[in-house]
């Protein structure tokens, strides 16, 4: 089965979620496709932008 994403991180704008996102951005294999999810699109954009180039910038 072909999947668009390998992992979806729910709660990425919270404390533990942000730590997890930062860890994944710097340690996950580059070919791994990871998405962040949460209730606030604005907070998600901020969280993604804080990860820098490793985040890829997709929406």
PDB file of N, CA and C in Angstrom:
ATOM      1  N   UNK A   1       0.842  -1.166   0.000  1.00  0.00           N
ATOM      2  CA  UNK A   1       0.000   0.000   0.000  1.00  0.00           C
ATOM      3  C   UNK A   1       0.898   1.244   0.000  1.00  0.00           C
ATOM      4  N   UNK A   2       0.626   2.176  -0.873  1.00  0.00           N
ATOM      5  CA  UNK A   2       1.364   3.438  -0.955  1.00  0.00           C
ATOM      6  C   UNK A   2       0.700   4.474  -0.042  1.00  0.00           C
ATOM      7  N   UNK A   3       1.491   5.156   0.765  1.00  0.00           N
ATOM      8  CA  UNK A   3       0.964   6.160   1.688  1.00  0.00           C
ATOM      9  C   UNK A   3       1.595   7.514   1.388  1.00  0.00           C
ATOM     10  N   UNK A   4       0.831   8.584   1.625  1.00  0.00           N
ATOM     11  CA  UNK A   4       1.345   9.931   1.431  1.00  0.00           C
ATOM     12  C   UNK A   4       2.313  10.329   2.542  1.00  0.00           C
ATOM     13  N   UNK A   5       2.058   9.846   3.757  1.00  0.00           N
ATOM     14  CA  UNK A   5       2.856  10.216   4.924  1.00  0.00           C
ATOM     15  C   UNK A   5       3.285   8.977   5.691  1.00  0.00           C
ATOM     16  N   UNK A   6       4.421   9.089   6.351  1.00  0.00           N
ATOM     17  CA  UNK A   6       4.894   8.000   7.202  1.00  0.00           C
ATOM     18  C   UNK A   6       4.443   8.178   8.643  1.00  0.00           C
ATOM     19  N   UNK A   7       4.266   9.436   9.078  1.00  0.00           N
ATOM     20  CA  UNK A   7       3.924   9.706  10.465  1.00  0.00           C
ATOM     21  C   UNK A   7       3.178  11.029  10.547  1.00  0.00           C
ATOM     22  N   UNK A   8       2.154  11.097  11.389  1.00  0.00           N
ATOM     23  CA  UNK A   8       1.450  12.342  11.676  1.00  0.00           C
ATOM     24  C   UNK A   8       1.580  12.594  13.167  1.00  0.00           C
ATOM     25  N   UNK A   9       2.157  13.747  13.502  1.00  0.00           N
ATOM     26  CA  UNK A   9       2.356  14.120  14.899  1.00  0.00           C
ATOM     27  C   UNK A   9       1.217  15.035  15.324  1.00  0.00           C
ATOM     28  N   UNK A  10       0.295  14.501  16.110  1.00  0.00           N
ATOM     29  CA  UNK A  10      -0.828  15.287  16.628  1.00  0.00           C
ATOM     30  C   UNK A  10      -0.377  16.034  17.883  1.00  0.00           C
ATOM     31  N   UNK A  11      -0.866  17.249  18.056  1.00  0.00           N
ATOM     32  CA  UNK A  11      -0.509  18.040  19.228  1.00  0.00           C
ATOM     33  C   UNK A  11       0.857  18.689  19.115  1.00  0.00           C
ATOM     34  N   UNK A  12       1.260  19.004  17.903  1.00  0.00           N
ATOM     35  CA  UNK A  12       2.609  19.533  17.661  1.00  0.00           C
ATOM     36  C   UNK A  12       2.822  20.929  18.228  1.00  0.00           C
ATOM     37  N   UNK A  13       1.763  21.613  18.646  1.00  0.00           N
ATOM     38  CA  UNK A  13       1.930  22.967  19.182  1.00  0.00           C
ATOM     39  C   UNK A  13       2.059  22.982  20.703  1.00  0.00           C
ATOM     40  N   UNK A  14       1.852  21.859  21.337  1.00  0.00           N
ATOM     41  CA  UNK A  14       2.026  21.772  22.787  1.00  0.00           C
ATOM     42  C   UNK A  14       3.485  21.571  23.154  1.00  0.00           C
ATOM     43  N   UNK A  15       3.761  21.543  24.437  1.00  0.00           N
ATOM     44  CA  UNK A  15       5.143  21.438  24.910  1.00  0.00           C
ATOM     45  C   UNK A  15       5.817  20.147  24.431  1.00  0.00           C
ATOM     46  N   UNK A  16       5.215  19.008  24.744  1.00  0.00           N
ATOM     47  CA  UNK A  16       5.812  17.725  24.370  1.00  0.00           C
ATOM     48  C   UNK A  16       5.788  17.547  22.853  1.00  0.00           C
ATOM     49  N   UNK A  17       4.709  17.988  22.210  1.00  0.00           N
ATOM     50  CA  UNK A  17       4.630  17.883  20.756  1.00  0.00           C
ATOM     51  C   UNK A  17       5.712  18.682  20.061  1.00  0.00           C
ATOM     52  N   UNK A  18       5.995  19.887  20.567  1.00  0.00           N
ATOM     53  CA  UNK A  18       7.044  20.720  19.974  1.00  0.00           C
ATOM     54  C   UNK A  18       8.415  20.077  20.158  1.00  0.00           C
ATOM     55  N   UNK A  19       8.653  19.503  21.338  1.00  0.00           N
ATOM     56  CA  UNK A  19       9.918  18.796  21.559  1.00  0.00           C
ATOM     57  C   UNK A  19      10.058  17.609  20.617  1.00  0.00           C
ATOM     58  N   UNK A  20       8.974  16.875  20.442  1.00  0.00           N
ATOM     59  CA  UNK A  20       8.983  15.716  19.548  1.00  0.00           C
ATOM     60  C   UNK A  20       9.218  16.147  18.111  1.00  0.00           C
ATOM     61  N   UNK A  21       8.547  17.211  17.683  1.00  0.00           N
ATOM     62  CA  UNK A  21       8.721  17.718  16.313  1.00  0.00           C
ATOM     63  C   UNK A  21      10.168  18.138  16.090  1.00  0.00           C
ATOM     64  N   UNK A  22      10.756  18.830  17.056  1.00  0.00           N
ATOM     65  CA  UNK A  22      12.148  19.259  16.933  1.00  0.00           C
ATOM     66  C   UNK A  22      13.083  18.053  16.834  1.00  0.00           C
ATOM     67  N   UNK A  23      12.824  17.033  17.651  1.00  0.00           N
ATOM     68  CA  UNK A  23      13.638  15.823  17.598  1.00  0.00           C
ATOM     69  C   UNK A  23      13.514  15.141  16.236  1.00  0.00           C
ATOM     70  N   UNK A  24      12.284  14.991  15.761  1.00  0.00           N
ATOM     71  CA  UNK A  24      12.074  14.341  14.473  1.00  0.00           C
ATOM     72  C   UNK A  24      12.716  15.121  13.329  1.00  0.00           C
ATOM     73  N   UNK A  25      12.634  16.448  13.389  1.00  0.00           N
ATOM     74  CA  UNK A  25      13.208  17.278  12.327  1.00  0.00           C
ATOM     75  C   UNK A  25      14.716  17.088  12.227  1.00  0.00           C
ATOM     76  N   UNK A  26      15.363  16.812  13.355  1.00  0.00           N
ATOM     77  CA  UNK A  26      16.814  16.679  13.309  1.00  0.00           C
ATOM     78  C   UNK A  26      17.319  15.234  13.280  1.00  0.00           C
ATOM     79  N   UNK A  27      16.457  14.256  13.589  1.00  0.00           N
ATOM     80  CA  UNK A  27      16.923  12.875  13.671  1.00  0.00           C
ATOM     81  C   UNK A  27      16.246  11.889  12.718  1.00  0.00           C
ATOM     82  N   UNK A  28      15.095  12.223  12.190  1.00  0.00           N
ATOM     83  CA  UNK A  28      14.390  11.281  11.313  1.00  0.00           C
ATOM     84  C   UNK A  28      15.117  11.183   9.967  1.00  0.00           C
ATOM     85  N   UNK A  29      15.040  10.038   9.314  1.00  0.00           N
ATOM     86  CA  UNK A  29      15.638   9.923   7.984  1.00  0.00           C
ATOM     87  C   UNK A  29      15.040  10.957   7.023  1.00  0.00           C
ATOM     88  N   UNK A  30      15.855  11.488   6.138  1.00  0.00           N
ATOM     89  CA  UNK A  30      15.397  12.556   5.246  1.00  0.00           C
ATOM     90  C   UNK A  30      14.275  12.116   4.318  1.00  0.00           C
ATOM     91  N   UNK A  31      14.200  10.843   4.006  1.00  0.00           N
ATOM     92  CA  UNK A  31      13.132  10.367   3.115  1.00  0.00           C
ATOM     93  C   UNK A  31      11.805  10.133   3.842  1.00  0.00           C
ATOM     94  N   UNK A  32      11.809  10.237   5.160  1.00  0.00           N
ATOM     95  CA  UNK A  32      10.583  10.045   5.940  1.00  0.00           C
ATOM     96  C   UNK A  32       9.682  11.264   5.814  1.00  0.00           C
ATOM     97  N   UNK A  33       8.418  11.045   5.496  1.00  0.00           N
ATOM     98  CA  UNK A  33       7.449  12.129   5.322  1.00  0.00           C
ATOM     99  C   UNK A  33       6.613  12.249   6.588  1.00  0.00           C
ATOM    100  N   UNK A  34       6.787  13.385   7.292  1.00  0.00           N
ATOM    101  CA  UNK A  34       6.145  13.614   8.580  1.00  0.00           C
ATOM    102  C   UNK A  34       5.273  14.853   8.481  1.00  0.00           C
ATOM    103  N   UNK A  35       4.087  14.774   9.058  1.00  0.00           N
ATOM    104  CA  UNK A  35       3.178  15.925   9.106  1.00  0.00           C
ATOM    105  C   UNK A  35       2.917  16.280  10.561  1.00  0.00           C
ATOM    106  N   UNK A  36       2.649  17.573  10.801  1.00  0.00           N
ATOM    107  CA  UNK A  36       2.226  18.011  12.134  1.00  0.00           C
ATOM    108  C   UNK A  36       0.745  18.341  12.064  1.00  0.00           C
ATOM    109  N   UNK A  37       0.043  18.070  13.144  1.00  0.00           N
ATOM    110  CA  UNK A  37      -1.402  18.303  13.177  1.00  0.00           C
ATOM    111  C   UNK A  37      -1.782  18.917  14.516  1.00  0.00           C
ATOM    112  N   UNK A  38      -2.842  19.704  14.483  1.00  0.00           N
ATOM    113  CA  UNK A  38      -3.344  20.336  15.691  1.00  0.00           C
ATOM    114  C   UNK A  38      -4.593  21.131  15.370  1.00  0.00           C
ATOM    115  N   UNK A  39      -5.108  21.839  16.353  1.00  0.00           N
ATOM    116  CA  UNK A  39      -6.370  22.560  16.176  1.00  0.00           C
ATOM    117  C   UNK A  39      -6.197  23.941  15.561  1.00  0.00           C
ATOM    118  N   UNK A  40      -5.053  24.578  15.725  1.00  0.00           N
ATOM    119  CA  UNK A  40      -4.860  25.954  15.280  1.00  0.00           C
ATOM    120  C   UNK A  40      -3.906  26.024  14.084  1.00  0.00           C
ATOM    121  N   UNK A  41      -4.420  26.352  12.903  1.00  0.00           N
ATOM    122  CA  UNK A  41      -3.538  26.464  11.732  1.00  0.00           C
ATOM    123  C   UNK A  41      -2.416  27.486  11.929  1.00  0.00           C
ATOM    124  N   UNK A  42      -2.703  28.599  12.600  1.00  0.00           N
ATOM    125  CA  UNK A  42      -1.672  29.613  12.829  1.00  0.00           C
ATOM    126  C   UNK A  42      -0.551  29.086  13.717  1.00  0.00           C
ATOM    127  N   UNK A  43      -0.924  28.402  14.790  1.00  0.00           N
ATOM    128  CA  UNK A  43       0.088  27.837  15.686  1.00  0.00           C
ATOM    129  C   UNK A  43       0.887  26.739  14.988  1.00  0.00           C
ATOM    130  N   UNK A  44       0.219  25.965  14.129  1.00  0.00           N
ATOM    131  CA  UNK A  44       0.931  24.918  13.391  1.00  0.00           C
ATOM    132  C   UNK A  44       1.955  25.522  12.439  1.00  0.00           C
ATOM    133  N   UNK A  45       1.580  26.608  11.755  1.00  0.00           N
ATOM    134  CA  UNK A  45       2.526  27.286  10.863  1.00  0.00           C
ATOM    135  C   UNK A  45       3.730  27.788  11.655  1.00  0.00           C
ATOM    136  N   UNK A  46       3.477  28.374  12.810  1.00  0.00           N
ATOM    137  CA  UNK A  46       4.569  28.868  13.653  1.00  0.00           C
ATOM    138  C   UNK A  46       5.472  27.725  14.108  1.00  0.00           C
ATOM    139  N   UNK A  47       4.869  26.613  14.501  1.00  0.00           N
ATOM    140  CA  UNK A  47       5.647  25.456  14.936  1.00  0.00           C
ATOM    141  C   UNK A  47       6.484  24.913  13.791  1.00  0.00           C
ATOM    142  N   UNK A  48       5.889  24.808  12.604  1.00  0.00           N
ATOM    143  CA  UNK A  48       6.627  24.325  11.437  1.00  0.00           C
ATOM    144  C   UNK A  48       7.753  25.273  11.076  1.00  0.00           C
ATOM    145  N   UNK A  49       7.484  26.572  11.083  1.00  0.00           N
ATOM    146  CA  UNK A  49       8.509  27.553  10.730  1.00  0.00           C
ATOM    147  C   UNK A  49       9.671  27.550  11.721  1.00  0.00           C
ATOM    148  N   UNK A  50       9.386  27.266  12.982  1.00  0.00           N
ATOM    149  CA  UNK A  50      10.422  27.224  13.998  1.00  0.00           C
ATOM    150  C   UNK A  50      11.384  26.060  13.789  1.00  0.00           C
ATOM    151  N   UNK A  51      10.956  25.057  13.010  1.00  0.00           N
ATOM    152  CA  UNK A  51      11.810  23.895  12.761  1.00  0.00           C
ATOM    153  C   UNK A  51      12.868  24.175  11.688  1.00  0.00           C
ATOM    154  N   UNK A  52      12.698  25.257  10.945  1.00  0.00           N
ATOM    155  CA  UNK A  52      13.683  25.610   9.927  1.00  0.00           C
ATOM    156  C   UNK A  52      13.573  24.765   8.667  1.00  0.00           C
ATOM    157  N   UNK A  53      14.670  24.658   7.961  1.00  0.00           N
ATOM    158  CA  UNK A  53      14.697  23.987   6.658  1.00  0.00           C
ATOM    159  C   UNK A  53      14.331  22.506   6.748  1.00  0.00           C
ATOM    160  N   UNK A  54      14.573  21.880   7.870  1.00  0.00           N
ATOM    161  CA  UNK A  54      14.265  20.446   8.026  1.00  0.00           C
ATOM    162  C   UNK A  54      12.783  20.167   7.918  1.00  0.00           C
ATOM    163  N   UNK A  55      11.942  21.197   8.150  1.00  0.00           N
ATOM    164  CA  UNK A  55      10.500  21.001   8.130  1.00  0.00           C
ATOM    165  C   UNK A  55       9.935  20.900   6.715  1.00  0.00           C
ATOM    166  N   UNK A  56      10.620  21.370   5.738  1.00  0.00           N
ATOM    167  CA  UNK A  56      10.162  21.248   4.356  1.00  0.00           C
ATOM    168  C   UNK A  56       9.157  22.296   3.930  1.00  0.00           C
ATOM    169  N   UNK A  57       8.399  22.858   4.824  1.00  0.00           N
ATOM    170  CA  UNK A  57       7.493  23.953   4.508  1.00  0.00           C
ATOM    171  C   UNK A  57       6.236  23.599   3.754  1.00  0.00           C
ATOM    172  N   UNK A  58       5.841  22.323   3.656  1.00  0.00           N
ATOM    173  CA  UNK A  58       4.589  21.962   2.995  1.00  0.00           C
ATOM    174  C   UNK A  58       3.389  22.322   3.844  1.00  0.00           C
ATOM    175  N   UNK A  59       2.241  22.536   3.216  1.00  0.00           N
ATOM    176  CA  UNK A  59       1.026  22.832   3.981  1.00  0.00           C
ATOM    177  C   UNK A  59      -0.032  21.807   3.739  1.00  0.00           C
TER     178      UNK A  59
END
